[in-house]
């Protein structure tokens, strides 16, 4: 019999819906959660800078956008680690 991973380890089964806001806040207060929040702010700043420099395509797209991609990748990794692992 095939058992789906999502059905056996779904979030509502592990954490009741009443406790989800507290669980999310607790994950944010871990070192990885703080890093994810800081990286989110950095991504917002880079995206704002990219939009302001849009007329300089080489700078905005080929340089700043590479950093945006790296920061977003780091956000995903930090968020996954804050949630308990990769």
N, C-alpha and C. Protein backbone atom coordinates (compact mmCIF):
# COMPACT_ATOMS: atom_id res chain seq x y z
N UNK A 1 0.84 -1.17 0.00
CA UNK A 1 0.00 0.00 0.00
C UNK A 1 0.88 1.24 0.00
N UNK A 2 0.56 2.20 -0.85
CA UNK A 2 1.33 3.43 -0.97
C UNK A 2 0.79 4.47 0.01
N UNK A 3 1.66 5.01 0.86
CA UNK A 3 1.25 6.04 1.82
C UNK A 3 1.91 7.35 1.43
N UNK A 4 1.11 8.37 1.28
CA UNK A 4 1.63 9.68 0.92
C UNK A 4 2.32 10.31 2.12
N UNK A 5 3.46 10.94 1.87
CA UNK A 5 4.18 11.62 2.93
C UNK A 5 3.37 12.80 3.45
N UNK A 6 2.69 13.51 2.55
CA UNK A 6 1.92 14.68 2.96
C UNK A 6 0.77 14.31 3.89
N UNK A 7 0.15 13.16 3.66
CA UNK A 7 -0.98 12.79 4.51
C UNK A 7 -0.53 12.29 5.88
N UNK A 8 0.64 11.68 5.97
CA UNK A 8 1.08 11.15 7.25
C UNK A 8 1.79 12.19 8.11
N UNK A 9 2.34 13.23 7.51
CA UNK A 9 3.07 14.23 8.28
C UNK A 9 2.57 15.63 7.96
N UNK A 10 1.27 15.78 7.80
CA UNK A 10 0.75 17.10 7.46
C UNK A 10 0.85 18.03 8.66
N UNK A 11 0.94 19.31 8.39
CA UNK A 11 1.08 20.31 9.45
C UNK A 11 -0.10 20.27 10.42
N UNK A 12 -1.37 20.20 9.96
CA UNK A 12 -2.46 20.16 10.93
C UNK A 12 -2.42 18.95 11.86
N UNK A 13 -1.86 17.84 11.41
CA UNK A 13 -1.75 16.69 12.31
C UNK A 13 -0.65 16.89 13.35
N UNK A 14 0.44 17.51 12.94
CA UNK A 14 1.57 17.68 13.84
C UNK A 14 1.33 18.85 14.80
N UNK A 15 0.85 19.97 14.28
CA UNK A 15 0.61 21.17 15.09
C UNK A 15 -0.85 21.59 14.89
N UNK A 16 -1.66 21.56 15.94
CA UNK A 16 -3.05 21.99 15.79
C UNK A 16 -3.13 23.46 15.34
N UNK A 17 -4.20 23.80 14.63
CA UNK A 17 -4.31 25.14 14.04
C UNK A 17 -4.29 26.25 15.09
N UNK A 18 -4.66 25.97 16.32
CA UNK A 18 -4.63 27.00 17.38
C UNK A 18 -3.20 27.39 17.72
N UNK A 19 -2.27 26.48 17.57
CA UNK A 19 -0.89 26.73 17.95
C UNK A 19 0.00 27.16 16.80
N UNK A 20 -0.51 27.22 15.58
CA UNK A 20 0.33 27.58 14.43
C UNK A 20 0.96 28.97 14.54
N UNK A 21 0.21 30.02 14.94
CA UNK A 21 0.89 31.33 15.07
C UNK A 21 2.05 31.30 16.06
N UNK A 22 1.88 30.60 17.18
CA UNK A 22 2.97 30.51 18.15
C UNK A 22 4.13 29.69 17.61
N UNK A 23 3.83 28.64 16.87
CA UNK A 23 4.89 27.81 16.29
C UNK A 23 5.66 28.61 15.24
N UNK A 24 4.96 29.42 14.45
CA UNK A 24 5.63 30.25 13.45
C UNK A 24 6.52 31.30 14.10
N UNK A 25 6.03 31.90 15.18
CA UNK A 25 6.83 32.90 15.90
C UNK A 25 8.04 32.24 16.54
N UNK A 26 7.88 31.04 17.06
CA UNK A 26 9.01 30.33 17.66
C UNK A 26 10.06 30.00 16.62
N UNK A 27 9.63 29.62 15.41
CA UNK A 27 10.59 29.33 14.34
C UNK A 27 11.33 30.58 13.92
N UNK A 28 10.64 31.73 13.96
CA UNK A 28 11.29 32.98 13.57
C UNK A 28 12.34 33.40 14.59
N UNK A 29 12.17 33.00 15.84
CA UNK A 29 13.10 33.40 16.89
C UNK A 29 14.33 32.51 16.97
N UNK A 30 14.40 31.48 16.17
CA UNK A 30 15.62 30.67 16.11
C UNK A 30 16.68 31.45 15.35
N UNK A 31 17.94 31.12 15.51
CA UNK A 31 18.98 31.83 14.74
C UNK A 31 18.74 31.76 13.23
N UNK A 32 18.27 30.61 12.73
CA UNK A 32 18.00 30.50 11.30
C UNK A 32 16.82 31.37 10.89
N UNK A 33 15.84 31.50 11.78
CA UNK A 33 14.70 32.35 11.50
C UNK A 33 15.08 33.82 11.45
N UNK A 34 15.94 34.23 12.36
CA UNK A 34 16.43 35.61 12.36
C UNK A 34 17.22 35.87 11.08
N UNK A 35 18.04 34.91 10.69
CA UNK A 35 18.81 35.04 9.45
C UNK A 35 17.87 35.15 8.25
N UNK A 36 16.81 34.33 8.22
CA UNK A 36 15.85 34.39 7.12
C UNK A 36 15.18 35.75 7.06
N UNK A 37 14.82 36.31 8.21
CA UNK A 37 14.18 37.63 8.24
C UNK A 37 15.15 38.71 7.76
N UNK A 38 16.40 38.64 8.18
CA UNK A 38 17.40 39.62 7.75
C UNK A 38 17.65 39.51 6.24
N UNK A 39 17.70 38.30 5.74
CA UNK A 39 17.90 38.11 4.30
C UNK A 39 16.70 38.61 3.50
N UNK A 40 15.49 38.47 4.07
CA UNK A 40 14.30 39.00 3.42
C UNK A 40 14.40 40.52 3.27
N UNK A 41 14.86 41.18 4.30
CA UNK A 41 15.05 42.64 4.24
C UNK A 41 16.10 42.98 3.18
N UNK A 42 17.18 42.21 3.15
CA UNK A 42 18.23 42.44 2.15
C UNK A 42 17.69 42.25 0.73
N UNK A 43 16.85 41.24 0.53
CA UNK A 43 16.25 41.02 -0.80
C UNK A 43 15.35 42.18 -1.19
N UNK A 44 14.60 42.70 -0.23
CA UNK A 44 13.73 43.86 -0.53
C UNK A 44 14.55 45.08 -0.91
N UNK A 45 15.65 45.30 -0.21
CA UNK A 45 16.53 46.43 -0.53
C UNK A 45 17.13 46.25 -1.92
N UNK A 46 17.60 45.05 -2.23
CA UNK A 46 18.18 44.80 -3.55
C UNK A 46 17.15 44.95 -4.67
N UNK A 47 15.94 44.49 -4.44
CA UNK A 47 14.90 44.64 -5.46
C UNK A 47 14.54 46.11 -5.68
N UNK A 48 14.51 46.89 -4.59
CA UNK A 48 14.27 48.33 -4.72
C UNK A 48 15.38 48.99 -5.50
N UNK A 49 16.62 48.64 -5.19
CA UNK A 49 17.77 49.19 -5.91
C UNK A 49 17.72 48.80 -7.39
N UNK A 50 17.34 47.56 -7.65
CA UNK A 50 17.25 47.09 -9.04
C UNK A 50 16.21 47.89 -9.82
N UNK A 51 15.08 48.19 -9.20
CA UNK A 51 14.04 48.96 -9.87
C UNK A 51 14.48 50.40 -10.12
N UNK A 52 15.21 50.98 -9.19
CA UNK A 52 15.69 52.37 -9.36
C UNK A 52 16.74 52.47 -10.46
N UNK A 53 17.49 51.40 -10.66
CA UNK A 53 18.55 51.41 -11.67
C UNK A 53 18.14 50.65 -12.94
N UNK A 54 16.85 50.57 -13.19
CA UNK A 54 16.35 49.77 -14.31
C UNK A 54 16.82 50.28 -15.67
N UNK A 55 17.10 51.57 -15.77
CA UNK A 55 17.56 52.09 -17.07
C UNK A 55 18.98 51.63 -17.41
N UNK A 56 19.74 51.21 -16.42
CA UNK A 56 21.08 50.65 -16.64
C UNK A 56 20.94 49.12 -16.64
N UNK A 57 20.58 48.56 -17.78
CA UNK A 57 20.22 47.15 -17.86
C UNK A 57 21.37 46.24 -17.42
N UNK A 58 22.57 46.55 -17.84
CA UNK A 58 23.70 45.70 -17.48
C UNK A 58 23.88 45.62 -15.97
N UNK A 59 23.78 46.76 -15.29
CA UNK A 59 23.94 46.78 -13.85
C UNK A 59 22.74 46.14 -13.15
N UNK A 60 21.56 46.57 -13.54
CA UNK A 60 20.36 46.12 -12.84
C UNK A 60 20.09 44.64 -13.04
N UNK A 61 20.13 44.18 -14.25
CA UNK A 61 19.75 42.79 -14.50
C UNK A 61 20.89 41.83 -14.30
N UNK A 62 22.03 42.10 -14.86
CA UNK A 62 23.11 41.12 -14.87
C UNK A 62 23.94 41.10 -13.59
N UNK A 63 23.89 42.15 -12.79
CA UNK A 63 24.69 42.17 -11.56
C UNK A 63 23.82 42.12 -10.32
N UNK A 64 22.89 43.05 -10.20
CA UNK A 64 22.05 43.09 -9.00
C UNK A 64 21.13 41.88 -8.95
N UNK A 65 20.59 41.47 -10.08
CA UNK A 65 19.66 40.35 -10.11
C UNK A 65 20.34 39.04 -9.72
N UNK A 66 21.62 38.92 -10.00
CA UNK A 66 22.36 37.73 -9.56
C UNK A 66 22.41 37.70 -8.03
N UNK A 67 22.64 38.85 -7.41
CA UNK A 67 22.65 38.91 -5.95
C UNK A 67 21.27 38.66 -5.37
N UNK A 68 20.23 39.14 -6.03
CA UNK A 68 18.87 38.87 -5.57
C UNK A 68 18.61 37.37 -5.57
N UNK A 69 19.00 36.70 -6.63
CA UNK A 69 18.82 35.26 -6.71
C UNK A 69 19.57 34.52 -5.62
N UNK A 70 20.79 34.95 -5.33
CA UNK A 70 21.58 34.31 -4.28
C UNK A 70 20.95 34.54 -2.91
N UNK A 71 20.44 35.74 -2.69
CA UNK A 71 19.81 36.05 -1.40
C UNK A 71 18.52 35.25 -1.24
N UNK A 72 17.72 35.15 -2.29
CA UNK A 72 16.48 34.38 -2.20
C UNK A 72 16.79 32.90 -1.95
N UNK A 73 17.82 32.38 -2.58
CA UNK A 73 18.23 31.00 -2.32
C UNK A 73 18.64 30.83 -0.86
N UNK A 74 19.38 31.80 -0.32
CA UNK A 74 19.80 31.74 1.08
C UNK A 74 18.59 31.85 2.01
N UNK A 75 17.57 32.63 1.63
CA UNK A 75 16.34 32.73 2.43
C UNK A 75 15.66 31.38 2.50
N UNK A 76 15.56 30.70 1.38
CA UNK A 76 14.91 29.39 1.35
C UNK A 76 15.67 28.41 2.24
N UNK A 77 16.98 28.38 2.14
CA UNK A 77 17.77 27.49 2.98
C UNK A 77 17.62 27.81 4.47
N UNK A 78 17.68 29.11 4.81
CA UNK A 78 17.55 29.50 6.22
C UNK A 78 16.15 29.18 6.74
N UNK A 79 15.13 29.40 5.94
CA UNK A 79 13.76 29.09 6.37
C UNK A 79 13.59 27.60 6.56
N UNK A 80 14.15 26.80 5.67
CA UNK A 80 14.06 25.34 5.83
C UNK A 80 14.77 24.88 7.09
N UNK A 81 15.94 25.46 7.37
CA UNK A 81 16.68 25.11 8.58
C UNK A 81 15.93 25.58 9.83
N UNK A 82 15.28 26.74 9.76
CA UNK A 82 14.49 27.23 10.90
C UNK A 82 13.30 26.33 11.17
N UNK A 83 12.77 25.69 10.11
CA UNK A 83 11.62 24.82 10.28
C UNK A 83 12.01 23.42 10.73
N UNK A 84 13.28 23.14 10.84
CA UNK A 84 13.68 21.86 11.37
C UNK A 84 14.59 21.05 10.50
N UNK A 85 15.03 21.57 9.41
CA UNK A 85 15.99 20.84 8.58
C UNK A 85 15.69 20.96 7.11
N UNK A 86 16.60 20.42 6.32
CA UNK A 86 16.47 20.50 4.88
C UNK A 86 15.55 19.39 4.44
